[in-house]
All heavy atoms as atom14 arrays in JSON, in Angstrom:
{
  "sequence": "GGFSYSVHGRGCRMVGPDGAEIEMDLLLDGSEAFDAWRLEVFARSVGM",
  "atom14_mask": [
    [1, 1, 1, 1, 0, 0, 0, 0, 0, 0, 0, 0, 0, 0],
    [1, 1, 1, 1, 0, 0, 0, 0, 0, 0, 0, 0, 0, 0],
    [1, 1, 1, 1, 1, 1, 1, 1, 1, 1, 1, 0, 0, 0],
    [1, 1, 1, 1, 1, 1, 0, 0, 0, 0, 0, 0, 0, 0],
    [1, 1, 1, 1, 1, 1, 1, 1, 1, 1, 1, 1, 0, 0],
    [1, 1, 1, 1, 1, 1, 0, 0, 0, 0, 0, 0, 0, 0],
    [1, 1, 1, 1, 1, 1, 1, 0, 0, 0, 0, 0, 0, 0],
    [1, 1, 1, 1, 1, 1, 1, 1, 1, 1, 0, 0, 0, 0],
    [1, 1, 1, 1, 0, 0, 0, 0, 0, 0, 0, 0, 0, 0],
    [1, 1, 1, 1, 1, 1, 1, 1, 1, 1, 1, 0, 0, 0],
    [1, 1, 1, 1, 0, 0, 0, 0, 0, 0, 0, 0, 0, 0],
    [1, 1, 1, 1, 1, 1, 0, 0, 0, 0, 0, 0, 0, 0],
    [1, 1, 1, 1, 1, 1, 1, 1, 1, 1, 1, 0, 0, 0],
    [1, 1, 1, 1, 1, 1, 1, 1, 0, 0, 0, 0, 0, 0],
    [1, 1, 1, 1, 1, 1, 1, 0, 0, 0, 0, 0, 0, 0],
    [1, 1, 1, 1, 0, 0, 0, 0, 0, 0, 0, 0, 0, 0],
    [1, 1, 1, 1, 1, 1, 1, 0, 0, 0, 0, 0, 0, 0],
    [1, 1, 1, 1, 1, 1, 1, 1, 0, 0, 0, 0, 0, 0],
    [1, 1, 1, 1, 0, 0, 0, 0, 0, 0, 0, 0, 0, 0],
    [1, 1, 1, 1, 1, 0, 0, 0, 0, 0, 0, 0, 0, 0],
    [1, 1, 1, 1, 1, 1, 1, 1, 1, 0, 0, 0, 0, 0],
    [1, 1, 1, 1, 1, 1, 1, 1, 0, 0, 0, 0, 0, 0],
    [1, 1, 1, 1, 1, 1, 1, 1, 1, 0, 0, 0, 0, 0],
    [1, 1, 1, 1, 1, 1, 1, 1, 0, 0, 0, 0, 0, 0],
    [1, 1, 1, 1, 1, 1, 1, 1, 0, 0, 0, 0, 0, 0],
    [1, 1, 1, 1, 1, 1, 1, 1, 0, 0, 0, 0, 0, 0],
    [1, 1, 1, 1, 1, 1, 1, 1, 0, 0, 0, 0, 0, 0],
    [1, 1, 1, 1, 1, 1, 1, 1, 0, 0, 0, 0, 0, 0],
    [1, 1, 1, 1, 1, 1, 1, 1, 0, 0, 0, 0, 0, 0],
    [1, 1, 1, 1, 0, 0, 0, 0, 0, 0, 0, 0, 0, 0],
    [1, 1, 1, 1, 1, 1, 0, 0, 0, 0, 0, 0, 0, 0],
    [1, 1, 1, 1, 1, 1, 1, 1, 1, 0, 0, 0, 0, 0],
    [1, 1, 1, 1, 1, 0, 0, 0, 0, 0, 0, 0, 0, 0],
    [1, 1, 1, 1, 1, 1, 1, 1, 1, 1, 1, 0, 0, 0],
    [1, 1, 1, 1, 1, 1, 1, 1, 0, 0, 0, 0, 0, 0],
    [1, 1, 1, 1, 1, 0, 0, 0, 0, 0, 0, 0, 0, 0],
    [1, 1, 1, 1, 1, 1, 1, 1, 1, 1, 1, 1, 1, 1],
    [1, 1, 1, 1, 1, 1, 1, 1, 1, 1, 1, 0, 0, 0],
    [1, 1, 1, 1, 1, 1, 1, 1, 0, 0, 0, 0, 0, 0],
    [1, 1, 1, 1, 1, 1, 1, 1, 1, 0, 0, 0, 0, 0],
    [1, 1, 1, 1, 1, 1, 1, 0, 0, 0, 0, 0, 0, 0],
    [1, 1, 1, 1, 1, 1, 1, 1, 1, 1, 1, 0, 0, 0],
    [1, 1, 1, 1, 1, 0, 0, 0, 0, 0, 0, 0, 0, 0],
    [1, 1, 1, 1, 1, 1, 1, 1, 1, 1, 1, 0, 0, 0],
    [1, 1, 1, 1, 1, 1, 0, 0, 0, 0, 0, 0, 0, 0],
    [1, 1, 1, 1, 1, 1, 1, 0, 0, 0, 0, 0, 0, 0],
    [1, 1, 1, 1, 0, 0, 0, 0, 0, 0, 0, 0, 0, 0],
    [1, 1, 1, 1, 1, 1, 1, 1, 0, 0, 0, 0, 0, 0]
  ],
  "atom14_positions": [
    [[13.03, -22.76, -44.36], [13.24, -23.08, -42.96], [12.07, -22.81, -42.0], [12.21, -22.93, -40.83], [0.0, 0.0, 0.0], [0.0, 0.0, 0.0], [0.0, 0.0, 0.0], [0.0, 0.0, 0.0], [0.0, 0.0, 0.0], [0.0, 0.0, 0.0], [0.0, 0.0, 0.0], [0.0, 0.0, 0.0], [0.0, 0.0, 0.0], [0.0, 0.0, 0.0]],
    [[10.98, -22.39, -42.53], [9.78, -22.07, -41.7], [9.7, -20.67, -41.15], [8.83, -20.4, -40.35], [0.0, 0.0, 0.0], [0.0, 0.0, 0.0], [0.0, 0.0, 0.0], [0.0, 0.0, 0.0], [0.0, 0.0, 0.0], [0.0, 0.0, 0.0], [0.0, 0.0, 0.0], [0.0, 0.0, 0.0], [0.0, 0.0, 0.0], [0.0, 0.0, 0.0]],
    [[10.55, -19.77, -41.62], [10.44, -18.4, -41.23], [9.39, -17.69, -42.15], [9.36, -17.95, -43.37], [11.82, -17.69, -41.37], [12.81, -18.22, -40.4], [13.54, -19.27, -40.67], [12.98, -17.54, -39.11], [14.51, -19.8, -39.77], [13.89, -18.03, -38.26], [14.65, -19.12, -38.55], [0.0, 0.0, 0.0], [0.0, 0.0, 0.0], [0.0, 0.0, 0.0]],
    [[8.57, -16.92, -41.64], [7.53, -16.25, -42.47], [7.53, -14.72, -42.24], [8.1, -14.28, -41.34], [6.1, -16.81, -42.16], [5.77, -16.51, -40.83], [0.0, 0.0, 0.0], [0.0, 0.0, 0.0], [0.0, 0.0, 0.0], [0.0, 0.0, 0.0], [0.0, 0.0, 0.0], [0.0, 0.0, 0.0], [0.0, 0.0, 0.0], [0.0, 0.0, 0.0]],
    [[6.94, -14.04, -43.22], [6.84, -12.62, -43.08], [5.46, -12.19, -43.63], [4.78, -12.96, -44.44], [7.9, -11.99, -43.98], [7.67, -11.98, -45.46], [7.01, -11.02, -46.11], [8.19, -13.09, -46.13], [6.79, -11.16, -47.48], [7.97, -13.23, -47.54], [7.28, -12.22, -48.2], [7.11, -12.32, -49.49], [0.0, 0.0, 0.0], [0.0, 0.0, 0.0]],
    [[5.0, -11.07, -43.26], [3.78, -10.43, -43.72], [3.92, -8.88, -43.71], [4.17, -8.28, -42.66], [2.62, -10.79, -42.8], [1.4, -10.12, -43.13], [0.0, 0.0, 0.0], [0.0, 0.0, 0.0], [0.0, 0.0, 0.0], [0.0, 0.0, 0.0], [0.0, 0.0, 0.0], [0.0, 0.0, 0.0], [0.0, 0.0, 0.0], [0.0, 0.0, 0.0]],
    [[3.89, -8.37, -44.92], [4.03, -6.85, -45.07], [2.71, -6.17, -44.9], [1.69, -6.67, -45.45], [4.62, -6.58, -46.44], [4.74, -5.14, -46.71], [6.04, -7.19, -46.57], [0.0, 0.0, 0.0], [0.0, 0.0, 0.0], [0.0, 0.0, 0.0], [0.0, 0.0, 0.0], [0.0, 0.0, 0.0], [0.0, 0.0, 0.0], [0.0, 0.0, 0.0]],
    [[2.74, -5.13, -44.14], [1.52, -4.28, -43.92], [1.89, -2.8, -43.93], [2.9, -2.44, -43.35], [0.85, -4.58, -42.64], [1.78, -4.46, -41.52], [2.09, -3.29, -40.92], [2.58, -5.44, -40.82], [3.0, -3.47, -39.91], [3.25, -4.74, -39.89], [0.0, 0.0, 0.0], [0.0, 0.0, 0.0], [0.0, 0.0, 0.0], [0.0, 0.0, 0.0]],
    [[1.16, -1.98, -44.68], [1.44, -0.57, -44.65], [2.94, -0.21, -44.75], [3.52, -0.48, -45.75], [0.0, 0.0, 0.0], [0.0, 0.0, 0.0], [0.0, 0.0, 0.0], [0.0, 0.0, 0.0], [0.0, 0.0, 0.0], [0.0, 0.0, 0.0], [0.0, 0.0, 0.0], [0.0, 0.0, 0.0], [0.0, 0.0, 0.0], [0.0, 0.0, 0.0]],
    [[3.43, 0.4, -43.8], [4.91, 0.8, -43.72], [5.68, -0.19, -42.89], [6.71, 0.2, -42.31], [5.06, 2.2, -43.17], [4.42, 3.21, -44.16], [5.01, 4.56, -44.12], [6.44, 4.67, -44.1], [7.22, 4.75, -45.15], [6.7, 4.63, -46.35], [8.49, 4.86, -45.07], [0.0, 0.0, 0.0], [0.0, 0.0, 0.0], [0.0, 0.0, 0.0]],
    [[5.2, -1.41, -42.71], [5.95, -2.29, -41.81], [5.89, -3.75, -42.24], [5.34, -4.09, -43.34], [0.0, 0.0, 0.0], [0.0, 0.0, 0.0], [0.0, 0.0, 0.0], [0.0, 0.0, 0.0], [0.0, 0.0, 0.0], [0.0, 0.0, 0.0], [0.0, 0.0, 0.0], [0.0, 0.0, 0.0], [0.0, 0.0, 0.0], [0.0, 0.0, 0.0]],
    [[6.49, -4.59, -41.43], [6.54, -6.07, -41.71], [6.58, -6.78, -40.44], [7.27, -6.46, -39.43], [7.84, -6.29, -42.5], [8.01, -8.04, -43.06], [0.0, 0.0, 0.0], [0.0, 0.0, 0.0], [0.0, 0.0, 0.0], [0.0, 0.0, 0.0], [0.0, 0.0, 0.0], [0.0, 0.0, 0.0], [0.0, 0.0, 0.0], [0.0, 0.0, 0.0]],
    [[5.85, -7.84, -40.34], [5.85, -8.74, -39.26], [6.55, -10.07, -39.71], [6.21, -10.59, -40.75], [4.35, -9.18, -38.86], [4.24, -10.2, -37.8], [2.83, -10.36, -37.37], [2.66, -11.46, -36.44], [2.15, -12.62, -36.66], [1.83, -12.95, -37.96], [2.09, -13.53, -35.86], [0.0, 0.0, 0.0], [0.0, 0.0, 0.0], [0.0, 0.0, 0.0]],
    [[7.61, -10.48, -38.95], [8.38, -11.64, -39.26], [8.25, -12.66, -38.09], [8.21, -12.19, -36.9], [9.82, -11.27, -39.45], [10.03, -10.25, -40.52], [11.68, -9.46, -40.51], [11.46, -8.21, -39.29], [0.0, 0.0, 0.0], [0.0, 0.0, 0.0], [0.0, 0.0, 0.0], [0.0, 0.0, 0.0], [0.0, 0.0, 0.0], [0.0, 0.0, 0.0]],
    [[8.08, -13.92, -38.41], [7.86, -14.96, -37.42], [8.82, -16.07, -37.67], [8.96, -16.57, -38.78], [6.44, -15.48, -37.46], [6.19, -16.48, -36.37], [5.41, -14.29, -37.29], [0.0, 0.0, 0.0], [0.0, 0.0, 0.0], [0.0, 0.0, 0.0], [0.0, 0.0, 0.0], [0.0, 0.0, 0.0], [0.0, 0.0, 0.0], [0.0, 0.0, 0.0]],
    [[9.51, -16.48, -36.59], [10.47, -17.59, -36.67], [9.62, -18.98, -36.55], [8.5, -18.91, -36.13], [0.0, 0.0, 0.0], [0.0, 0.0, 0.0], [0.0, 0.0, 0.0], [0.0, 0.0, 0.0], [0.0, 0.0, 0.0], [0.0, 0.0, 0.0], [0.0, 0.0, 0.0], [0.0, 0.0, 0.0], [0.0, 0.0, 0.0], [0.0, 0.0, 0.0]],
    [[10.24, -20.08, -36.89], [9.55, -21.35, -36.78], [9.17, -21.72, -35.31], [8.34, -22.49, -35.12], [10.53, -22.35, -37.38], [11.85, -21.64, -37.44], [11.56, -20.15, -37.38], [0.0, 0.0, 0.0], [0.0, 0.0, 0.0], [0.0, 0.0, 0.0], [0.0, 0.0, 0.0], [0.0, 0.0, 0.0], [0.0, 0.0, 0.0], [0.0, 0.0, 0.0]],
    [[9.83, -21.07, -34.38], [9.51, -21.27, -33.0], [8.38, -20.35, -32.48], [8.06, -20.34, -31.33], [10.73, -21.04, -32.1], [11.35, -19.55, -32.2], [10.82, -18.82, -33.0], [12.24, -19.34, -31.44], [0.0, 0.0, 0.0], [0.0, 0.0, 0.0], [0.0, 0.0, 0.0], [0.0, 0.0, 0.0], [0.0, 0.0, 0.0], [0.0, 0.0, 0.0]],
    [[7.82, -19.5, -33.38], [6.74, -18.62, -32.99], [7.19, -17.23, -32.62], [6.29, -16.35, -32.27], [0.0, 0.0, 0.0], [0.0, 0.0, 0.0], [0.0, 0.0, 0.0], [0.0, 0.0, 0.0], [0.0, 0.0, 0.0], [0.0, 0.0, 0.0], [0.0, 0.0, 0.0], [0.0, 0.0, 0.0], [0.0, 0.0, 0.0], [0.0, 0.0, 0.0]],
    [[8.49, -16.95, -32.54], [9.0, -15.65, -32.14], [8.53, -14.64, -33.2], [8.69, -14.81, -34.33], [10.49, -15.66, -32.07], [0.0, 0.0, 0.0], [0.0, 0.0, 0.0], [0.0, 0.0, 0.0], [0.0, 0.0, 0.0], [0.0, 0.0, 0.0], [0.0, 0.0, 0.0], [0.0, 0.0, 0.0], [0.0, 0.0, 0.0], [0.0, 0.0, 0.0]],
    [[7.83, -13.49, -32.66], [7.27, -12.45, -33.56], [8.12, -11.2, -33.5], [8.31, -10.72, -32.41], [5.89, -12.22, -33.22], [4.88, -13.31, -33.38], [3.43, -12.92, -32.99], [3.12, -11.76, -33.22], [2.83, -13.79, -32.54], [0.0, 0.0, 0.0], [0.0, 0.0, 0.0], [0.0, 0.0, 0.0], [0.0, 0.0, 0.0], [0.0, 0.0, 0.0]],
    [[8.49, -10.75, -34.59], [9.26, -9.5, -34.68], [8.44, -8.56, -35.59], [8.2, -8.97, -36.8], [10.67, -9.69, -35.21], [11.49, -10.56, -34.29], [11.32, -8.3, -35.53], [11.84, -9.95, -33.0], [0.0, 0.0, 0.0], [0.0, 0.0, 0.0], [0.0, 0.0, 0.0], [0.0, 0.0, 0.0], [0.0, 0.0, 0.0], [0.0, 0.0, 0.0]],
    [[8.1, -7.39, -35.19], [7.41, -6.46, -36.04], [8.15, -5.17, -36.07], [8.59, -4.61, -35.06], [6.05, -6.2, -35.52], [5.22, -5.25, -36.25], [3.82, -5.65, -36.59], [3.39, -6.78, -36.19], [3.17, -4.91, -37.28], [0.0, 0.0, 0.0], [0.0, 0.0, 0.0], [0.0, 0.0, 0.0], [0.0, 0.0, 0.0], [0.0, 0.0, 0.0]],
    [[8.31, -4.67, -37.23], [9.08, -3.34, -37.44], [8.3, -2.49, -38.39], [7.63, -2.94, -39.26], [10.45, -3.65, -38.02], [11.33, -4.62, -37.33], [12.06, -3.94, -35.83], [13.14, -2.7, -36.5], [0.0, 0.0, 0.0], [0.0, 0.0, 0.0], [0.0, 0.0, 0.0], [0.0, 0.0, 0.0], [0.0, 0.0, 0.0], [0.0, 0.0, 0.0]],
    [[8.45, -1.15, -38.22], [7.9, -0.26, -39.2], [9.06, 0.55, -39.79], [10.12, 0.68, -39.17], [7.01, 0.75, -38.43], [5.61, 0.22, -38.29], [5.23, -0.75, -39.0], [4.86, 0.77, -37.46], [0.0, 0.0, 0.0], [0.0, 0.0, 0.0], [0.0, 0.0, 0.0], [0.0, 0.0, 0.0], [0.0, 0.0, 0.0], [0.0, 0.0, 0.0]],
    [[8.85, 1.08, -40.93], [9.83, 1.99, -41.64], [9.37, 3.42, -41.52], [8.28, 3.75, -41.97], [9.9, 1.55, -43.04], [11.04, 2.24, -43.94], [12.35, 1.77, -43.41], [10.8, 1.93, -45.37], [0.0, 0.0, 0.0], [0.0, 0.0, 0.0], [0.0, 0.0, 0.0], [0.0, 0.0, 0.0], [0.0, 0.0, 0.0], [0.0, 0.0, 0.0]],
    [[10.2, 4.25, -40.92], [9.91, 5.64, -40.78], [10.21, 6.38, -42.1], [10.91, 5.8, -43.02], [10.77, 6.25, -39.7], [10.48, 5.61, -38.3], [11.37, 6.31, -37.31], [9.08, 5.71, -37.89], [0.0, 0.0, 0.0], [0.0, 0.0, 0.0], [0.0, 0.0, 0.0], [0.0, 0.0, 0.0], [0.0, 0.0, 0.0], [0.0, 0.0, 0.0]],
    [[9.79, 7.59, -42.29], [9.9, 8.36, -43.48], [11.41, 8.54, -43.79], [11.75, 8.76, -44.97], [9.13, 9.72, -43.37], [7.62, 9.59, -43.34], [6.96, 10.9, -43.16], [7.12, 8.86, -44.63], [0.0, 0.0, 0.0], [0.0, 0.0, 0.0], [0.0, 0.0, 0.0], [0.0, 0.0, 0.0], [0.0, 0.0, 0.0], [0.0, 0.0, 0.0]],
    [[12.28, 8.7, -42.81], [13.67, 8.88, -43.05], [14.39, 7.6, -43.39], [15.64, 7.62, -43.61], [14.36, 9.57, -41.88], [14.44, 8.71, -40.58], [13.94, 7.56, -40.69], [14.93, 9.2, -39.65], [0.0, 0.0, 0.0], [0.0, 0.0, 0.0], [0.0, 0.0, 0.0], [0.0, 0.0, 0.0], [0.0, 0.0, 0.0], [0.0, 0.0, 0.0]],
    [[13.74, 6.48, -43.45], [14.3, 5.25, -43.9], [14.76, 4.33, -42.68], [15.26, 3.21, -42.9], [0.0, 0.0, 0.0], [0.0, 0.0, 0.0], [0.0, 0.0, 0.0], [0.0, 0.0, 0.0], [0.0, 0.0, 0.0], [0.0, 0.0, 0.0], [0.0, 0.0, 0.0], [0.0, 0.0, 0.0], [0.0, 0.0, 0.0], [0.0, 0.0, 0.0]],
    [[14.66, 4.84, -41.53], [15.1, 4.12, -40.34], [13.97, 3.09, -39.93], [12.76, 3.34, -40.2], [15.48, 5.01, -39.13], [14.44, 5.86, -38.81], [0.0, 0.0, 0.0], [0.0, 0.0, 0.0], [0.0, 0.0, 0.0], [0.0, 0.0, 0.0], [0.0, 0.0, 0.0], [0.0, 0.0, 0.0], [0.0, 0.0, 0.0], [0.0, 0.0, 0.0]],
    [[14.35, 2.04, -39.29], [13.48, 1.04, -38.84], [13.04, 1.3, -37.42], [13.95, 1.79, -36.65], [14.02, -0.37, -38.92], [14.36, -0.69, -40.36], [15.03, -2.04, -40.52], [15.02, -2.87, -39.58], [15.46, -2.29, -41.61], [0.0, 0.0, 0.0], [0.0, 0.0, 0.0], [0.0, 0.0, 0.0], [0.0, 0.0, 0.0], [0.0, 0.0, 0.0]],
    [[11.83, 1.11, -37.02], [11.29, 1.5, -35.7], [10.48, 0.36, -35.13], [9.81, -0.38, -35.83], [10.55, 2.79, -35.74], [0.0, 0.0, 0.0], [0.0, 0.0, 0.0], [0.0, 0.0, 0.0], [0.0, 0.0, 0.0], [0.0, 0.0, 0.0], [0.0, 0.0, 0.0], [0.0, 0.0, 0.0], [0.0, 0.0, 0.0], [0.0, 0.0, 0.0]],
    [[10.49, 0.35, -33.77], [9.54, -0.55, -33.0], [9.22, 0.24, -31.75], [9.9, 1.25, -31.38], [10.2, -1.87, -32.75], [11.53, -1.83, -32.04], [11.6, -1.82, -30.59], [12.73, -1.69, -32.7], [12.75, -1.75, -29.93], [13.85, -1.61, -32.08], [13.94, -1.69, -30.61], [0.0, 0.0, 0.0], [0.0, 0.0, 0.0], [0.0, 0.0, 0.0]],
    [[8.22, -0.16, -31.08], [7.8, 0.49, -29.89], [7.54, -0.54, -28.73], [7.71, -1.73, -28.85], [6.53, 1.35, -30.18], [5.41, 0.53, -30.69], [5.37, -0.74, -30.58], [4.41, 1.09, -31.29], [0.0, 0.0, 0.0], [0.0, 0.0, 0.0], [0.0, 0.0, 0.0], [0.0, 0.0, 0.0], [0.0, 0.0, 0.0], [0.0, 0.0, 0.0]],
    [[7.01, -0.08, -27.63], [6.84, -0.92, -26.42], [5.8, -1.98, -26.69], [6.01, -3.14, -26.22], [6.36, -0.01, -25.17], [0.0, 0.0, 0.0], [0.0, 0.0, 0.0], [0.0, 0.0, 0.0], [0.0, 0.0, 0.0], [0.0, 0.0, 0.0], [0.0, 0.0, 0.0], [0.0, 0.0, 0.0], [0.0, 0.0, 0.0], [0.0, 0.0, 0.0]],
    [[4.78, -1.67, -27.5], [3.81, -2.65, -27.83], [4.46, -3.89, -28.61], [4.21, -5.05, -28.39], [2.69, -2.09, -28.64], [1.72, -3.13, -29.09], [0.68, -3.63, -28.33], [1.6, -3.77, -30.38], [0.01, -4.61, -29.1], [0.54, -4.65, -30.46], [2.35, -3.57, -31.6], [0.19, -5.46, -31.45], [1.95, -4.34, -32.62], [0.96, -5.29, -32.58]],
    [[5.36, -3.5, -29.55], [6.0, -4.56, -30.36], [6.93, -5.37, -29.46], [7.08, -6.54, -29.73], [6.72, -3.91, -31.55], [5.81, -3.49, -32.6], [6.51, -2.67, -33.67], [5.59, -2.32, -34.8], [4.75, -1.26, -34.75], [4.63, -0.5, -33.73], [4.03, -1.04, -35.81], [0.0, 0.0, 0.0], [0.0, 0.0, 0.0], [0.0, 0.0, 0.0]],
    [[7.57, -4.72, -28.5], [8.44, -5.5, -27.56], [7.6, -6.42, -26.72], [8.07, -7.54, -26.48], [9.22, -4.48, -26.67], [10.31, -3.72, -27.41], [10.86, -2.69, -26.39], [11.44, -4.6, -27.87], [0.0, 0.0, 0.0], [0.0, 0.0, 0.0], [0.0, 0.0, 0.0], [0.0, 0.0, 0.0], [0.0, 0.0, 0.0], [0.0, 0.0, 0.0]],
    [[6.43, -6.01, -26.38], [5.5, -6.84, -25.55], [5.03, -8.06, -26.36], [5.07, -9.2, -25.83], [4.32, -6.02, -25.01], [3.39, -6.92, -24.24], [2.24, -6.14, -23.63], [2.29, -4.86, -23.57], [1.25, -6.74, -23.25], [0.0, 0.0, 0.0], [0.0, 0.0, 0.0], [0.0, 0.0, 0.0], [0.0, 0.0, 0.0], [0.0, 0.0, 0.0]],
    [[4.67, -7.86, -27.6], [4.23, -8.98, -28.49], [5.41, -9.94, -28.64], [5.16, -11.11, -28.56], [3.8, -8.41, -29.85], [3.59, -9.55, -30.87], [2.48, -7.61, -29.67], [0.0, 0.0, 0.0], [0.0, 0.0, 0.0], [0.0, 0.0, 0.0], [0.0, 0.0, 0.0], [0.0, 0.0, 0.0], [0.0, 0.0, 0.0], [0.0, 0.0, 0.0]],
    [[6.59, -9.4, -28.89], [7.7, -10.28, -29.0], [7.9, -11.14, -27.7], [8.13, -12.34, -27.74], [9.0, -9.54, -29.29], [10.23, -10.35, -29.06], [10.61, -11.32, -29.93], [11.09, -10.09, -27.97], [11.72, -12.08, -29.68], [12.17, -10.87, -27.75], [12.51, -11.81, -28.63], [0.0, 0.0, 0.0], [0.0, 0.0, 0.0], [0.0, 0.0, 0.0]],
    [[7.94, -10.41, -26.53], [8.2, -11.11, -25.32], [7.23, -12.24, -25.1], [7.62, -13.37, -24.69], [8.16, -10.1, -24.16], [0.0, 0.0, 0.0], [0.0, 0.0, 0.0], [0.0, 0.0, 0.0], [0.0, 0.0, 0.0], [0.0, 0.0, 0.0], [0.0, 0.0, 0.0], [0.0, 0.0, 0.0], [0.0, 0.0, 0.0], [0.0, 0.0, 0.0]],
    [[5.97, -11.99, -25.34], [4.94, -13.0, -25.14], [5.13, -14.19, -26.08], [4.97, -15.31, -25.77], [3.53, -12.43, -25.24], [3.18, -11.46, -24.18], [1.73, -11.0, -24.29], [1.44, -9.94, -23.38], [1.21, -10.01, -22.1], [1.28, -11.18, -21.5], [0.9, -8.94, -21.3], [0.0, 0.0, 0.0], [0.0, 0.0, 0.0], [0.0, 0.0, 0.0]],
    [[5.57, -13.8, -27.37], [5.7, -14.89, -28.29], [6.82, -15.93, -27.97], [6.83, -16.99, -28.48], [5.98, -14.3, -29.75], [7.22, -13.77, -29.87], [0.0, 0.0, 0.0], [0.0, 0.0, 0.0], [0.0, 0.0, 0.0], [0.0, 0.0, 0.0], [0.0, 0.0, 0.0], [0.0, 0.0, 0.0], [0.0, 0.0, 0.0], [0.0, 0.0, 0.0]],
    [[7.8, -15.44, -27.22], [8.94, -16.26, -26.83], [8.8, -16.75, -25.36], [9.76, -17.33, -24.84], [10.36, -15.63, -27.1], [10.51, -15.43, -28.6], [10.49, -14.37, -26.32], [0.0, 0.0, 0.0], [0.0, 0.0, 0.0], [0.0, 0.0, 0.0], [0.0, 0.0, 0.0], [0.0, 0.0, 0.0], [0.0, 0.0, 0.0], [0.0, 0.0, 0.0]],
    [[7.71, -16.5, -24.74], [7.57, -16.94, -23.39], [8.15, -16.18, -22.33], [8.36, -16.61, -21.22], [0.0, 0.0, 0.0], [0.0, 0.0, 0.0], [0.0, 0.0, 0.0], [0.0, 0.0, 0.0], [0.0, 0.0, 0.0], [0.0, 0.0, 0.0], [0.0, 0.0, 0.0], [0.0, 0.0, 0.0], [0.0, 0.0, 0.0], [0.0, 0.0, 0.0]],
    [[8.52, -14.87, -22.57], [9.15, -14.0, -21.62], [8.05, -13.16, -21.06], [7.02, -12.85, -21.65], [10.21, -13.11, -22.34], [11.38, -13.87, -22.82], [12.38, -12.76, -23.88], [12.99, -11.5, -22.72], [0.0, 0.0, 0.0], [0.0, 0.0, 0.0], [0.0, 0.0, 0.0], [0.0, 0.0, 0.0], [0.0, 0.0, 0.0], [0.0, 0.0, 0.0]]
  ]
}
């Protein structure tokens, strides 16, 4: 369907066919994390 992913270090960047970028990291306790920078990248990728 045109969705892509790219794994790096302890995280993964996922992109939708519309260009929406989601980036997450995996913490040592197994929880998924994101920060303000990742929210900004996402916002810009969807025109927000």
